[in-house]
Amino acid sequence: LTAVTMLQVFKNRKMPGRMGGVQRTVKNVWVYQIDPARNLLYLKGQVPGPQGSFLFVKDSIYKKPDRALLPFPTHFSQEGEPEDLEPLIADLGDIDPFMAAD
C-alpha cells in the first residue's frame, strides 16, 4: 500500500453514521411507590433515557412469579369504593436485595 491508497475510501467501507435511538432494557428495577393523583412511578434502580422521555414498564420475565399474590402495583377499585387517590407505598421488608451481603 502506498500513501495515495491510504487516503482513499474504498467502496462498502464501514463508516460511522447515525447513532442512538436504540431501545434499552433494564432488569430488576423495583417499583417503590405509585402516586396515581400525579401520575408518577417511583423506581429504585437505573432508568435509561433523557428526562421527559417515555418508559415502557412491565412485570419481570426473568423471575418466577408468586402465583399466590398479585404484583404490587396492581389495584382494582371496587364499585362504591371511594376513589381517594392516595400514594401506594411498597413494603420495604427485612432484606434489601440491592445491598451487598456481609
N, C-alpha and C. Protein backbone atom coordinates (compact mmCIF):
# COMPACT_ATOMS: atom_id res chain seq x y z
N LEU A 1 0.84 -1.19 0.00
CA LEU A 1 0.00 0.00 0.00
C LEU A 1 0.88 1.24 0.00
N THR A 2 0.47 2.17 -0.74
CA THR A 2 1.22 3.42 -0.79
C THR A 2 0.45 4.49 -0.06
N ALA A 3 1.03 5.66 0.04
CA ALA A 3 0.39 6.77 0.74
C ALA A 3 -0.87 7.22 0.03
N VAL A 4 -0.94 7.08 -1.29
CA VAL A 4 -2.11 7.51 -2.05
C VAL A 4 -3.30 6.60 -1.76
N THR A 5 -3.09 5.29 -1.69
CA THR A 5 -4.20 4.38 -1.43
C THR A 5 -4.70 4.48 0.00
N MET A 6 -3.88 4.95 0.92
CA MET A 6 -4.32 5.11 2.30
C MET A 6 -5.32 6.26 2.43
N LEU A 7 -5.31 7.20 1.49
CA LEU A 7 -6.21 8.34 1.55
C LEU A 7 -7.56 8.05 0.89
N GLN A 8 -7.67 6.95 0.21
CA GLN A 8 -8.92 6.62 -0.46
C GLN A 8 -9.90 5.98 0.51
N VAL A 9 -11.18 6.16 0.22
CA VAL A 9 -12.23 5.45 0.95
C VAL A 9 -12.80 4.43 -0.03
N PHE A 10 -12.57 3.17 0.27
CA PHE A 10 -12.98 2.10 -0.63
C PHE A 10 -14.49 1.89 -0.55
N LYS A 11 -15.02 1.33 -1.63
CA LYS A 11 -16.44 1.05 -1.72
C LYS A 11 -16.84 0.03 -0.65
N ASN A 12 -18.03 0.21 -0.03
CA ASN A 12 -18.58 -0.63 1.04
C ASN A 12 -17.77 -0.57 2.33
N ARG A 13 -16.98 0.46 2.50
CA ARG A 13 -16.21 0.64 3.73
C ARG A 13 -17.17 1.03 4.85
N LYS A 14 -17.09 0.38 6.01
CA LYS A 14 -17.96 0.72 7.14
C LYS A 14 -17.48 2.03 7.75
N MET A 15 -18.41 2.98 7.85
CA MET A 15 -18.08 4.30 8.37
C MET A 15 -19.04 4.63 9.51
N PRO A 16 -18.63 5.55 10.39
CA PRO A 16 -19.55 5.96 11.45
C PRO A 16 -20.73 6.72 10.85
N GLY A 17 -21.88 6.54 11.49
CA GLY A 17 -23.07 7.20 10.97
C GLY A 17 -24.01 7.58 12.10
N ARG A 18 -25.28 7.51 11.84
CA ARG A 18 -26.28 7.89 12.85
C ARG A 18 -26.25 6.89 13.99
N MET A 19 -26.19 7.41 15.22
CA MET A 19 -26.18 6.56 16.41
C MET A 19 -27.29 7.01 17.35
N GLY A 20 -27.72 6.12 18.21
CA GLY A 20 -28.76 6.45 19.18
C GLY A 20 -30.11 5.92 18.72
N GLY A 21 -31.13 6.23 19.50
CA GLY A 21 -32.47 5.78 19.17
C GLY A 21 -32.65 4.28 19.33
N VAL A 22 -31.83 3.66 20.17
CA VAL A 22 -31.89 2.22 20.37
C VAL A 22 -32.66 1.93 21.65
N GLN A 23 -33.55 0.94 21.61
CA GLN A 23 -34.31 0.58 22.80
C GLN A 23 -33.40 -0.11 23.81
N ARG A 24 -33.51 0.27 25.07
CA ARG A 24 -32.73 -0.32 26.14
C ARG A 24 -33.66 -1.03 27.11
N THR A 25 -33.21 -2.16 27.65
CA THR A 25 -33.96 -2.93 28.64
C THR A 25 -33.17 -2.96 29.93
N VAL A 26 -33.80 -2.56 31.01
CA VAL A 26 -33.17 -2.60 32.33
C VAL A 26 -33.93 -3.61 33.16
N LYS A 27 -33.20 -4.52 33.79
CA LYS A 27 -33.82 -5.61 34.54
C LYS A 27 -33.78 -5.31 36.03
N ASN A 28 -34.74 -5.89 36.75
CA ASN A 28 -34.81 -5.85 38.21
C ASN A 28 -34.88 -4.43 38.78
N VAL A 29 -35.67 -3.58 38.17
CA VAL A 29 -35.93 -2.25 38.74
C VAL A 29 -37.13 -2.39 39.67
N TRP A 30 -37.00 -1.88 40.86
CA TRP A 30 -38.00 -2.08 41.90
C TRP A 30 -38.96 -0.89 41.93
N VAL A 31 -40.28 -1.14 41.83
CA VAL A 31 -41.29 -0.08 41.92
C VAL A 31 -41.50 0.21 43.40
N TYR A 32 -41.03 1.38 43.84
CA TYR A 32 -41.08 1.73 45.25
C TYR A 32 -42.42 2.34 45.64
N GLN A 33 -42.95 3.23 44.81
CA GLN A 33 -44.18 3.94 45.16
C GLN A 33 -44.93 4.31 43.88
N ILE A 34 -46.26 4.34 43.97
CA ILE A 34 -47.11 4.76 42.87
C ILE A 34 -47.99 5.90 43.37
N ASP A 35 -47.99 7.01 42.66
CA ASP A 35 -48.81 8.16 43.02
C ASP A 35 -49.80 8.41 41.88
N PRO A 36 -51.03 7.84 41.97
CA PRO A 36 -51.99 7.99 40.87
C PRO A 36 -52.53 9.41 40.72
N ALA A 37 -52.51 10.21 41.78
CA ALA A 37 -53.02 11.58 41.68
C ALA A 37 -52.16 12.42 40.76
N ARG A 38 -50.84 12.21 40.82
CA ARG A 38 -49.92 12.98 39.97
C ARG A 38 -49.36 12.15 38.82
N ASN A 39 -49.86 10.91 38.68
CA ASN A 39 -49.46 10.02 37.59
C ASN A 39 -47.95 9.78 37.61
N LEU A 40 -47.42 9.38 38.79
CA LEU A 40 -45.99 9.17 38.96
C LEU A 40 -45.68 7.76 39.41
N LEU A 41 -44.54 7.23 38.97
CA LEU A 41 -43.97 5.98 39.44
C LEU A 41 -42.64 6.30 40.08
N TYR A 42 -42.40 5.79 41.28
CA TYR A 42 -41.11 5.95 41.94
C TYR A 42 -40.37 4.63 41.79
N LEU A 43 -39.21 4.66 41.13
CA LEU A 43 -38.44 3.45 40.85
C LEU A 43 -37.12 3.50 41.59
N LYS A 44 -36.64 2.32 42.01
CA LYS A 44 -35.33 2.22 42.63
C LYS A 44 -34.45 1.44 41.67
N GLY A 45 -33.51 2.10 41.05
CA GLY A 45 -32.63 1.47 40.07
C GLY A 45 -32.40 2.42 38.91
N GLN A 46 -31.77 1.91 37.88
CA GLN A 46 -31.44 2.71 36.72
C GLN A 46 -32.66 2.92 35.84
N VAL A 47 -32.76 4.12 35.27
CA VAL A 47 -33.82 4.44 34.31
C VAL A 47 -33.13 5.01 33.08
N PRO A 48 -33.15 4.31 31.94
CA PRO A 48 -32.44 4.79 30.76
C PRO A 48 -33.19 5.94 30.08
N GLY A 49 -32.44 6.74 29.35
CA GLY A 49 -33.03 7.81 28.55
C GLY A 49 -32.96 9.16 29.21
N PRO A 50 -33.21 10.22 28.44
CA PRO A 50 -33.17 11.57 28.99
C PRO A 50 -34.42 11.89 29.80
N GLN A 51 -34.38 13.01 30.51
CA GLN A 51 -35.55 13.43 31.29
C GLN A 51 -36.68 13.78 30.34
N GLY A 52 -37.89 13.40 30.73
CA GLY A 52 -39.06 13.71 29.92
C GLY A 52 -39.36 12.68 28.85
N SER A 53 -38.56 11.62 28.76
CA SER A 53 -38.82 10.60 27.75
C SER A 53 -39.82 9.58 28.28
N PHE A 54 -40.38 8.78 27.40
CA PHE A 54 -41.38 7.78 27.77
C PHE A 54 -40.70 6.48 28.15
N LEU A 55 -41.31 5.76 29.10
CA LEU A 55 -40.82 4.46 29.53
C LEU A 55 -41.92 3.43 29.34
N PHE A 56 -41.53 2.21 29.03
CA PHE A 56 -42.45 1.08 28.94
C PHE A 56 -42.15 0.19 30.13
N VAL A 57 -43.09 0.08 31.07
CA VAL A 57 -42.88 -0.69 32.29
C VAL A 57 -43.75 -1.93 32.24
N LYS A 58 -43.14 -3.09 32.52
CA LYS A 58 -43.90 -4.34 32.55
C LYS A 58 -43.33 -5.23 33.64
N ASP A 59 -44.07 -6.28 33.99
CA ASP A 59 -43.61 -7.22 35.01
C ASP A 59 -42.37 -7.95 34.52
N SER A 60 -41.56 -8.38 35.47
CA SER A 60 -40.32 -9.07 35.15
C SER A 60 -40.62 -10.44 34.56
N ILE A 61 -39.86 -10.80 33.53
CA ILE A 61 -39.99 -12.14 32.95
C ILE A 61 -38.82 -13.02 33.37
N TYR A 62 -37.87 -12.48 34.11
CA TYR A 62 -36.68 -13.22 34.49
C TYR A 62 -36.81 -13.87 35.86
N LYS A 63 -37.82 -13.50 36.62
CA LYS A 63 -38.06 -14.12 37.91
C LYS A 63 -39.38 -14.85 37.86
N LYS A 64 -39.45 -16.00 38.51
CA LYS A 64 -40.70 -16.75 38.53
C LYS A 64 -41.71 -16.02 39.42
N PRO A 65 -42.93 -15.80 38.93
CA PRO A 65 -43.91 -15.07 39.73
C PRO A 65 -44.47 -15.92 40.86
N ASP A 66 -44.86 -15.25 41.94
CA ASP A 66 -45.55 -15.91 43.04
C ASP A 66 -47.03 -15.87 42.70
N ARG A 67 -47.58 -17.00 42.33
CA ARG A 67 -48.96 -17.04 41.86
C ARG A 67 -49.97 -16.79 42.97
N ALA A 68 -49.54 -16.85 44.24
CA ALA A 68 -50.46 -16.63 45.35
C ALA A 68 -50.78 -15.14 45.50
N LEU A 69 -49.88 -14.27 45.07
CA LEU A 69 -50.07 -12.83 45.25
C LEU A 69 -50.04 -12.14 43.89
N LEU A 70 -50.80 -11.07 43.78
CA LEU A 70 -50.72 -10.24 42.60
C LEU A 70 -49.48 -9.37 42.69
N PRO A 71 -48.95 -8.88 41.57
CA PRO A 71 -47.83 -7.94 41.66
C PRO A 71 -48.24 -6.70 42.43
N PHE A 72 -47.29 -6.04 43.08
CA PHE A 72 -47.58 -4.91 43.95
C PHE A 72 -48.37 -3.80 43.28
N PRO A 73 -48.01 -3.33 42.07
CA PRO A 73 -48.73 -2.17 41.53
C PRO A 73 -50.17 -2.43 41.16
N THR A 74 -50.63 -3.68 41.16
CA THR A 74 -51.99 -3.98 40.73
C THR A 74 -53.00 -3.48 41.76
N HIS A 75 -53.99 -2.73 41.29
CA HIS A 75 -55.06 -2.24 42.15
C HIS A 75 -56.31 -2.10 41.31
N PHE A 76 -57.37 -2.73 41.75
CA PHE A 76 -58.65 -2.63 41.07
C PHE A 76 -59.65 -2.05 42.07
N SER A 77 -60.22 -0.88 41.75
CA SER A 77 -61.19 -0.27 42.66
C SER A 77 -62.54 -0.98 42.51
N GLN A 78 -63.20 -1.23 43.63
CA GLN A 78 -64.49 -1.90 43.65
C GLN A 78 -65.60 -0.86 43.47
N GLU A 79 -66.79 -1.33 43.11
CA GLU A 79 -67.92 -0.42 42.95
C GLU A 79 -68.31 0.12 44.31
N GLY A 80 -68.56 1.41 44.37
CA GLY A 80 -68.95 2.05 45.62
C GLY A 80 -67.77 2.42 46.51
N GLU A 81 -66.59 2.01 46.15
CA GLU A 81 -65.39 2.34 46.93
C GLU A 81 -64.99 3.79 46.62
N PRO A 82 -64.71 4.59 47.65
CA PRO A 82 -64.28 5.96 47.37
C PRO A 82 -62.96 5.95 46.62
N GLU A 83 -62.88 6.79 45.61
CA GLU A 83 -61.68 6.81 44.77
C GLU A 83 -60.72 7.89 45.25
N ASP A 84 -60.27 7.76 46.49
CA ASP A 84 -59.26 8.68 47.00
C ASP A 84 -57.93 8.30 46.37
N LEU A 85 -57.34 9.23 45.69
CA LEU A 85 -56.09 8.95 45.01
C LEU A 85 -54.92 9.24 45.94
N GLU A 86 -54.63 8.28 46.79
CA GLU A 86 -53.50 8.40 47.71
C GLU A 86 -52.35 7.56 47.19
N PRO A 87 -51.11 7.97 47.48
CA PRO A 87 -49.97 7.18 47.00
C PRO A 87 -49.95 5.79 47.62
N LEU A 88 -49.56 4.80 46.82
CA LEU A 88 -49.38 3.43 47.27
C LEU A 88 -47.89 3.22 47.51
N ILE A 89 -47.51 2.79 48.71
CA ILE A 89 -46.11 2.62 49.05
C ILE A 89 -45.83 1.15 49.30
N ALA A 90 -44.76 0.64 48.71
CA ALA A 90 -44.40 -0.77 48.84
C ALA A 90 -43.84 -1.04 50.23
N ASP A 91 -44.04 -2.27 50.71
CA ASP A 91 -43.46 -2.71 51.97
C ASP A 91 -41.97 -2.94 51.75
N LEU A 92 -41.13 -2.35 52.60
CA LEU A 92 -39.69 -2.45 52.41
C LEU A 92 -39.15 -3.84 52.73
N GLY A 93 -39.78 -4.54 53.64
CA GLY A 93 -39.30 -5.88 54.00
C GLY A 93 -38.08 -5.81 54.91
N ASP A 94 -37.50 -6.96 55.19
CA ASP A 94 -36.36 -7.03 56.09
C ASP A 94 -35.03 -6.93 55.36
N ILE A 95 -34.94 -7.47 54.17
CA ILE A 95 -33.67 -7.54 53.46
C ILE A 95 -33.77 -6.71 52.18
N ASP A 96 -32.77 -5.84 51.97
CA ASP A 96 -32.69 -5.06 50.75
C ASP A 96 -31.90 -5.86 49.72
N PRO A 97 -32.51 -6.27 48.59
CA PRO A 97 -31.79 -7.11 47.63
C PRO A 97 -30.69 -6.37 46.88
N PHE A 98 -30.69 -5.03 46.94
CA PHE A 98 -29.69 -4.26 46.21
C PHE A 98 -28.45 -3.96 47.05
N MET A 99 -28.45 -4.31 48.33
CA MET A 99 -27.29 -4.07 49.19
C MET A 99 -26.39 -5.30 49.18
N ALA A 100 -25.08 -5.06 49.33
CA ALA A 100 -24.12 -6.16 49.35
C ALA A 100 -24.25 -6.94 50.65
N ALA A 101 -24.08 -8.25 50.55
CA ALA A 101 -24.16 -9.10 51.74
C ALA A 101 -22.91 -8.95 52.58
N ASP A 102 -23.05 -9.16 53.89
CA ASP A 102 -21.88 -9.05 54.77
C ASP A 102 -20.98 -10.25 54.63
